[in-house]
PDB file of N, CA and C in Angstrom:
ATOM      1  N   UNK A   1      -0.705 268.094 201.218  1.00  0.00           N
ATOM      2  CA  UNK A   1      -1.159 269.399 202.154  1.00  0.00           C
ATOM      3  C   UNK A   1      -1.147 268.801 203.071  1.00  0.00           C
ATOM      4  N   UNK A   2      -2.062 267.533 203.565  1.00  0.00           N
ATOM      5  CA  UNK A   2      -2.290 267.560 205.122  1.00  0.00           C
ATOM      6  C   UNK A   2      -0.745 267.225 205.566  1.00  0.00           C
ATOM      7  N   UNK A   3       0.224 266.733 204.950  1.00  0.00           N
ATOM      8  CA  UNK A   3       1.444 266.673 205.715  1.00  0.00           C
ATOM      9  C   UNK A   3       2.067 267.742 206.119  1.00  0.00           C
ATOM     10  N   UNK A   4       1.602 268.858 205.122  1.00  0.00           N
ATOM     11  CA  UNK A   4       2.366 270.195 205.518  1.00  0.00           C
ATOM     12  C   UNK A   4       2.003 270.861 206.644  1.00  0.00           C
ATOM     13  N   UNK A   5       0.284 270.387 206.455  1.00  0.00           N
ATOM     14  CA  UNK A   5      -0.646 271.125 207.680  1.00  0.00           C
ATOM     15  C   UNK A   5      -0.068 270.383 209.295  1.00  0.00           C
ATOM     16  N   UNK A   6       0.378 269.204 209.308  1.00  0.00           N
ATOM     17  CA  UNK A   6       0.501 268.348 210.565  1.00  0.00           C
ATOM     18  C   UNK A   6       2.353 269.276 210.845  1.00  0.00           C
ATOM     19  N   UNK A   7       2.899 269.042 209.970  1.00  0.00           N
ATOM     20  CA  UNK A   7       4.105 269.485 210.076  1.00  0.00           C
ATOM     21  C   UNK A   7       4.255 271.052 210.662  1.00  0.00           C
ATOM     22  N   UNK A   8       3.625 271.997 209.841  1.00  0.00           N
ATOM     23  CA  UNK A   8       3.771 273.661 210.460  1.00  0.00           C
ATOM     24  C   UNK A   8       2.588 273.985 211.485  1.00  0.00           C
ATOM     25  N   UNK A   9       1.339 273.603 210.858  1.00  0.00           N
ATOM     26  CA  UNK A   9       0.461 273.863 212.086  1.00  0.00           C
ATOM     27  C   UNK A   9       0.486 273.164 213.274  1.00  0.00           C
ATOM     28  N   UNK A  10       0.300 271.817 213.195  1.00  0.00           N
ATOM     29  CA  UNK A  10       0.577 270.889 214.651  1.00  0.00           C
ATOM     30  C   UNK A  10       1.991 270.345 215.184  1.00  0.00           C
ATOM     31  N   UNK A  11       2.710 270.938 214.422  1.00  0.00           N
ATOM     32  CA  UNK A  11       3.694 270.679 214.629  1.00  0.00           C
ATOM     33  C   UNK A  11       4.406 268.822 215.000  1.00  0.00           C
ATOM     34  N   UNK A  12       3.605 268.428 214.107  1.00  0.00           N
ATOM     35  CA  UNK A  12       3.423 266.817 214.061  1.00  0.00           C
ATOM     36  C   UNK A  12       4.522 266.420 212.879  1.00  0.00           C
ATOM     37  N   UNK A  13       5.707 265.521 213.473  1.00  0.00           N
ATOM     38  CA  UNK A  13       6.740 265.007 212.561  1.00  0.00           C
ATOM     39  C   UNK A  13       5.457 263.990 211.292  1.00  0.00           C
ATOM     40  N   UNK A  14       6.202 263.729 210.183  1.00  0.00           N
ATOM     41  CA  UNK A  14       5.051 262.897 209.351  1.00  0.00           C
ATOM     42  C   UNK A  14       5.654 261.800 209.541  1.00  0.00           C
ATOM     43  N   UNK A  15       6.520 261.445 210.202  1.00  0.00           N
ATOM     44  CA  UNK A  15       6.700 259.739 210.376  1.00  0.00           C
ATOM     45  C   UNK A  15       6.174 259.462 211.822  1.00  0.00           C
ATOM     46  N   UNK A  16       5.424 260.187 212.448  1.00  0.00           N
ATOM     47  CA  UNK A  16       4.758 259.566 213.330  1.00  0.00           C
ATOM     48  C   UNK A  16       3.093 259.757 212.948  1.00  0.00           C
ATOM     49  N   UNK A  17       2.842 259.413 211.796  1.00  0.00           N
ATOM     50  CA  UNK A  17       1.578 259.667 211.400  1.00  0.00           C
ATOM     51  C   UNK A  17       1.669 258.346 210.605  1.00  0.00           C
ATOM     52  N   UNK A  18       0.193 257.332 210.300  1.00  0.00           N
ATOM     53  CA  UNK A  18       0.415 256.578 209.150  1.00  0.00           C
ATOM     54  C   UNK A  18       0.472 256.849 207.941  1.00  0.00           C
ATOM     55  N   UNK A  19       0.586 257.622 207.688  1.00  0.00           N
ATOM     56  CA  UNK A  19       0.580 258.455 206.254  1.00  0.00           C
ATOM     57  C   UNK A  19       1.792 257.848 205.362  1.00  0.00           C
ATOM     58  N   UNK A  20       2.650 257.491 205.737  1.00  0.00           N
ATOM     59  CA  UNK A  20       3.790 256.706 205.111  1.00  0.00           C
ATOM     60  C   UNK A  20       3.648 255.283 204.642  1.00  0.00           C
ATOM     61  N   UNK A  21       2.929 254.713 205.734  1.00  0.00           N
ATOM     62  CA  UNK A  21       2.288 253.647 205.469  1.00  0.00           C
ATOM     63  C   UNK A  21       1.359 253.342 204.273  1.00  0.00           C
ATOM     64  N   UNK A  22       0.351 254.053 204.626  1.00  0.00           N
ATOM     65  CA  UNK A  22      -0.412 254.247 203.582  1.00  0.00           C
ATOM     66  C   UNK A  22      -0.273 254.605 201.916  1.00  0.00           C
ATOM     67  N   UNK A  23       0.848 255.490 202.048  1.00  0.00           N
ATOM     68  CA  UNK A  23       1.329 255.526 200.737  1.00  0.00           C
ATOM     69  C   UNK A  23       2.222 254.581 200.259  1.00  0.00           C
ATOM     70  N   UNK A  24       2.742 253.524 200.672  1.00  0.00           N
ATOM     71  CA  UNK A  24       3.260 252.404 200.546  1.00  0.00           C
ATOM     72  C   UNK A  24       2.208 251.464 200.220  1.00  0.00           C
ATOM     73  N   UNK A  25       0.924 251.246 200.827  1.00  0.00           N
ATOM     74  CA  UNK A  25       0.153 250.308 200.501  1.00  0.00           C
ATOM     75  C   UNK A  25      -0.235 250.498 198.972  1.00  0.00           C
ATOM     76  N   UNK A  26      -0.565 252.022 198.798  1.00  0.00           N
ATOM     77  CA  UNK A  26      -1.251 252.500 197.729  1.00  0.00           C
ATOM     78  C   UNK A  26      -0.175 252.264 196.621  1.00  0.00           C
ATOM     79  N   UNK A  27       0.745 252.710 196.748  1.00  0.00           N
ATOM     80  CA  UNK A  27       1.732 252.262 195.632  1.00  0.00           C
ATOM     81  C   UNK A  27       1.888 250.740 195.255  1.00  0.00           C
ATOM     82  N   UNK A  28       2.248 250.033 196.355  1.00  0.00           N
ATOM     83  CA  UNK A  28       1.918 248.758 195.776  1.00  0.00           C
ATOM     84  C   UNK A  28       0.737 248.149 194.914  1.00  0.00           C
ATOM     85  N   UNK A  29      -0.498 248.668 195.804  1.00  0.00           N
ATOM     86  CA  UNK A  29      -1.872 248.169 194.849  1.00  0.00           C
ATOM     87  C   UNK A  29      -1.817 248.889 193.744  1.00  0.00           C
ATOM     88  N   UNK A  30      -1.345 250.074 193.429  1.00  0.00           N
ATOM     89  CA  UNK A  30      -1.521 250.608 191.828  1.00  0.00           C
ATOM     90  C   UNK A  30      -0.395 249.698 191.270  1.00  0.00           C
ATOM     91  N   UNK A  31       0.522 249.368 191.577  1.00  0.00           N
ATOM     92  CA  UNK A  31       1.242 248.446 190.606  1.00  0.00           C
ATOM     93  C   UNK A  31       0.689 247.012 190.331  1.00  0.00           C
ATOM     94  N   UNK A  32      -0.004 246.817 191.612  1.00  0.00           N
ATOM     95  CA  UNK A  32      -0.662 245.101 191.301  1.00  0.00           C
ATOM     96  C   UNK A  32      -1.930 245.306 189.957  1.00  0.00           C
ATOM     97  N   UNK A  33      -2.722 246.398 189.975  1.00  0.00           N
ATOM     98  CA  UNK A  33      -3.856 246.773 189.576  1.00  0.00           C
ATOM     99  C   UNK A  33      -3.209 247.146 187.847  1.00  0.00           C
ATOM    100  N   UNK A  34      -2.105 247.586 187.771  1.00  0.00           N
ATOM    101  CA  UNK A  34      -1.326 247.609 186.513  1.00  0.00           C
ATOM    102  C   UNK A  34      -0.846 246.543 186.055  1.00  0.00           C
ATOM    103  N   UNK A  35      -0.387 245.749 186.700  1.00  0.00           N
ATOM    104  CA  UNK A  35       0.466 244.392 186.450  1.00  0.00           C
ATOM    105  C   UNK A  35      -0.905 243.372 186.119  1.00  0.00           C
ATOM    106  N   UNK A  36      -1.896 243.532 186.440  1.00  0.00           N
ATOM    107  CA  UNK A  36      -3.508 242.636 186.576  1.00  0.00           C
ATOM    108  C   UNK A  36      -3.334 243.435 184.976  1.00  0.00           C
ATOM    109  N   UNK A  37      -3.703 244.523 184.598  1.00  0.00           N
ATOM    110  CA  UNK A  37      -4.399 245.260 183.423  1.00  0.00           C
ATOM    111  C   UNK A  37      -3.393 244.474 182.032  1.00  0.00           C
ATOM    112  N   UNK A  38      -2.326 244.871 182.308  1.00  0.00           N
ATOM    113  CA  UNK A  38      -1.318 244.337 181.261  1.00  0.00           C
ATOM    114  C   UNK A  38      -1.390 242.691 180.956  1.00  0.00           C
ATOM    115  N   UNK A  39      -1.276 241.917 182.066  1.00  0.00           N
ATOM    116  CA  UNK A  39      -1.523 240.334 182.006  1.00  0.00           C
ATOM    117  C   UNK A  39      -3.152 240.139 181.803  1.00  0.00           C
ATOM    118  N   UNK A  40      -4.180 240.899 181.404  1.00  0.00           N
ATOM    119  CA  UNK A  40      -5.127 240.597 180.902  1.00  0.00           C
ATOM    120  C   UNK A  40      -5.183 240.900 179.555  1.00  0.00           C
ATOM    121  N   UNK A  41      -4.259 242.347 179.006  1.00  0.00           N
ATOM    122  CA  UNK A  41      -4.337 242.690 177.875  1.00  0.00           C
ATOM    123  C   UNK A  41      -3.957 241.287 177.382  1.00  0.00           C
ATOM    124  N   UNK A  42      -2.585 240.756 177.932  1.00  0.00           N
ATOM    125  CA  UNK A  42      -1.782 239.511 177.183  1.00  0.00           C
ATOM    126  C   UNK A  42      -2.880 238.572 176.731  1.00  0.00           C
ATOM    127  N   UNK A  43      -3.259 238.358 177.765  1.00  0.00           N
ATOM    128  CA  UNK A  43      -4.414 237.029 177.607  1.00  0.00           C
ATOM    129  C   UNK A  43      -5.502 237.061 176.668  1.00  0.00           C
ATOM    130  N   UNK A  44      -5.849 238.652 176.409  1.00  0.00           N
ATOM    131  CA  UNK A  44      -6.917 238.744 175.785  1.00  0.00           C
ATOM    132  C   UNK A  44      -6.550 238.850 174.387  1.00  0.00           C
ATOM    133  N   UNK A  45      -5.532 239.062 173.989  1.00  0.00           N
ATOM    134  CA  UNK A  45      -4.787 239.453 172.441  1.00  0.00           C
ATOM    135  C   UNK A  45      -4.524 238.035 171.959  1.00  0.00           C
ATOM    136  N   UNK A  46      -3.861 237.265 173.243  1.00  0.00           N
ATOM    137  CA  UNK A  46      -3.197 235.901 172.425  1.00  0.00           C
ATOM    138  C   UNK A  46      -4.504 234.707 172.246  1.00  0.00           C
ATOM    139  N   UNK A  47      -5.702 235.302 173.013  1.00  0.00           N
ATOM    140  CA  UNK A  47      -6.854 234.412 172.381  1.00  0.00           C
ATOM    141  C   UNK A  47      -7.662 234.790 171.777  1.00  0.00           C
ATOM    142  N   UNK A  48      -7.988 236.090 171.431  1.00  0.00           N
ATOM    143  CA  UNK A  48      -8.714 236.424 170.032  1.00  0.00           C
ATOM    144  C   UNK A  48      -7.623 236.399 168.671  1.00  0.00           C
ATOM    145  N   UNK A  49      -6.697 235.900 168.741  1.00  0.00           N
ATOM    146  CA  UNK A  49      -5.835 235.537 167.688  1.00  0.00           C
ATOM    147  C   UNK A  49      -6.187 234.294 167.091  1.00  0.00           C
ATOM    148  N   UNK A  50      -6.529 233.422 168.087  1.00  0.00           N
ATOM    149  CA  UNK A  50      -6.879 232.071 167.955  1.00  0.00           C
ATOM    150  C   UNK A  50      -8.077 231.724 167.639  1.00  0.00           C
ATOM    151  N   UNK A  51      -9.253 232.796 167.753  1.00  0.00           N
ATOM    152  CA  UNK A  51     -10.395 232.631 167.924  1.00  0.00           C
ATOM    153  C   UNK A  51     -10.692 233.232 166.587  1.00  0.00           C
ATOM    154  N   UNK A  52      -9.803 234.098 165.963  1.00  0.00           N
ATOM    155  CA  UNK A  52      -9.939 234.977 164.604  1.00  0.00           C
ATOM    156  C   UNK A  52      -9.739 233.631 163.833  1.00  0.00           C
ATOM    157  N   UNK A  53      -8.228 233.242 163.742  1.00  0.00           N
ATOM    158  CA  UNK A  53      -8.234 231.919 163.200  1.00  0.00           C
ATOM    159  C   UNK A  53      -9.447 231.138 162.576  1.00  0.00           C
ATOM    160  N   UNK A  54      -9.711 230.510 163.777  1.00  0.00           N
ATOM    161  CA  UNK A  54     -10.750 229.505 164.034  1.00  0.00           C
ATOM    162  C   UNK A  54     -11.942 230.153 162.686  1.00  0.00           C
ATOM    163  N   UNK A  55     -12.912 231.514 163.262  1.00  0.00           N
ATOM    164  CA  UNK A  55     -13.547 231.829 162.450  1.00  0.00           C
ATOM    165  C   UNK A  55     -13.334 232.251 160.834  1.00  0.00           C
ATOM    166  N   UNK A  56     -11.883 232.530 160.428  1.00  0.00           N
ATOM    167  CA  UNK A  56     -11.731 232.651 159.485  1.00  0.00           C
ATOM    168  C   UNK A  56     -11.654 231.554 158.467  1.00  0.00           C
ATOM    169  N   UNK A  57     -11.405 230.462 159.201  1.00  0.00           N
ATOM    170  CA  UNK A  57     -11.569 229.090 158.768  1.00  0.00           C
ATOM    171  C   UNK A  57     -12.785 228.503 158.324  1.00  0.00           C
ATOM    172  N   UNK A  58     -13.616 228.793 159.502  1.00  0.00           N
ATOM    173  CA  UNK A  58     -15.071 228.250 159.012  1.00  0.00           C
ATOM    174  C   UNK A  58     -15.829 229.155 158.379  1.00  0.00           C
ATOM    175  N   UNK A  59     -15.158 230.403 157.997  1.00  0.00           N
ATOM    176  CA  UNK A  59     -15.686 231.170 156.768  1.00  0.00           C
ATOM    177  C   UNK A  59     -15.651 230.759 155.032  1.00  0.00           C
ATOM    178  N   UNK A  60     -14.401 230.206 155.508  1.00  0.00           N
ATOM    179  CA  UNK A  60     -13.924 229.518 153.871  1.00  0.00           C
ATOM    180  C   UNK A  60     -14.387 228.615 153.884  1.00  0.00           C
ATOM    181  N   UNK A  61     -14.538 227.600 154.496  1.00  0.00           N
ATOM    182  CA  UNK A  61     -15.562 226.244 154.425  1.00  0.00           C
ATOM    183  C   UNK A  61     -17.100 226.476 153.964  1.00  0.00           C
ATOM    184  N   UNK A  62     -17.293 227.376 154.595  1.00  0.00           N
ATOM    185  CA  UNK A  62     -18.749 227.608 154.257  1.00  0.00           C
ATOM    186  C   UNK A  62     -18.823 228.125 152.448  1.00  0.00           C
ATOM    187  N   UNK A  63     -17.837 228.844 152.433  1.00  0.00           N
ATOM    188  CA  UNK A  63     -17.921 229.861 151.004  1.00  0.00           C
ATOM    189  C   UNK A  63     -17.829 228.648 149.680  1.00  0.00           C
ATOM    190  N   UNK A  64     -16.867 227.724 150.429  1.00  0.00           N
ATOM    191  CA  UNK A  64     -16.091 226.542 149.295  1.00  0.00           C
ATOM    192  C   UNK A  64     -17.216 225.488 149.292  1.00  0.00           C
ATOM    193  N   UNK A  65     -18.245 224.782 150.481  1.00  0.00           N
ATOM    194  CA  UNK A  65     -19.643 224.090 150.242  1.00  0.00           C
ATOM    195  C   UNK A  65     -20.669 225.022 149.196  1.00  0.00           C
ATOM    196  N   UNK A  66     -20.717 226.301 149.347  1.00  0.00           N
ATOM    197  CA  UNK A  66     -21.615 226.818 148.172  1.00  0.00           C
ATOM    198  C   UNK A  66     -21.340 226.361 147.171  1.00  0.00           C
TER     199      UNK A  66
END
Protein backbone atom coordinates (compact mmCIF):
# COMPACT_ATOMS: atom_id res chain seq x y z
CA UNK A 1 0.00 0.00 0.00
CA UNK A 2 2.72 2.43 0.97
CA UNK A 3 4.69 1.80 -2.22
CA UNK A 4 1.57 2.35 -4.32
CA UNK A 5 0.92 5.61 -2.51
CA UNK A 6 4.49 6.76 -3.14
CA UNK A 7 4.35 5.78 -6.80
CA UNK A 8 1.02 7.29 -7.79
CA UNK A 9 0.50 10.15 -5.34
CA UNK A 10 4.00 11.38 -4.51
CA UNK A 11 5.54 10.27 -7.85
CA UNK A 12 8.55 8.67 -6.12
CA UNK A 13 10.08 5.48 -7.51
CA UNK A 14 10.22 2.42 -5.30
CA UNK A 15 13.99 2.18 -5.82
CA UNK A 16 14.59 5.57 -4.25
CA UNK A 17 13.12 4.54 -0.89
CA UNK A 18 14.58 2.34 1.87
CA UNK A 19 11.77 -0.19 1.38
CA UNK A 20 13.73 -2.67 -0.81
CA UNK A 21 16.51 -2.90 1.77
CA UNK A 22 13.97 -3.30 4.55
CA UNK A 23 12.25 -6.13 2.66
CA UNK A 24 15.55 -7.95 2.14
CA UNK A 25 16.50 -7.59 5.81
CA UNK A 26 13.11 -8.84 6.99
CA UNK A 27 13.21 -11.85 4.65
CA UNK A 28 16.70 -12.79 5.88
CA UNK A 29 15.68 -12.41 9.53
CA UNK A 30 12.55 -14.50 8.93
CA UNK A 31 14.61 -17.23 7.30
CA UNK A 32 17.01 -17.21 10.26
CA UNK A 33 14.09 -17.55 12.70
CA UNK A 34 12.77 -20.46 10.67
CA UNK A 35 16.13 -22.24 10.74
CA UNK A 36 16.58 -21.51 14.45
CA UNK A 37 13.21 -23.11 15.20
CA UNK A 38 14.05 -26.12 13.04
CA UNK A 39 17.42 -26.65 14.74
CA UNK A 40 15.84 -26.23 18.19
CA UNK A 41 13.21 -28.84 17.32
CA UNK A 42 15.88 -31.28 16.14
CA UNK A 43 17.95 -30.76 19.30
CA UNK A 44 14.94 -31.19 21.58
CA UNK A 45 13.78 -34.36 19.82
CA UNK A 46 17.23 -35.99 19.85
CA UNK A 47 17.83 -35.15 23.51
CA UNK A 48 14.36 -36.20 24.66
CA UNK A 49 14.76 -39.68 23.15
CA UNK A 50 17.89 -40.32 25.20
CA UNK A 51 16.21 -38.96 28.35
CA UNK A 52 13.19 -41.24 27.86
CA UNK A 53 15.47 -44.25 27.39
CA UNK A 54 17.29 -43.48 30.63
CA UNK A 55 14.04 -42.96 32.54
CA UNK A 56 12.49 -46.17 31.25
CA UNK A 57 15.55 -48.18 32.29
CA UNK A 58 15.47 -46.57 35.75
CA UNK A 59 11.79 -47.52 36.15
CA UNK A 60 12.54 -51.11 35.14
CA UNK A 61 15.33 -51.29 37.73
CA UNK A 62 13.02 -49.97 40.44
CA UNK A 63 10.35 -52.59 39.67
CA UNK A 64 12.96 -55.36 39.51
CA UNK A 65 14.30 -54.41 42.94
CA UNK A 66 10.84 -54.55 44.50
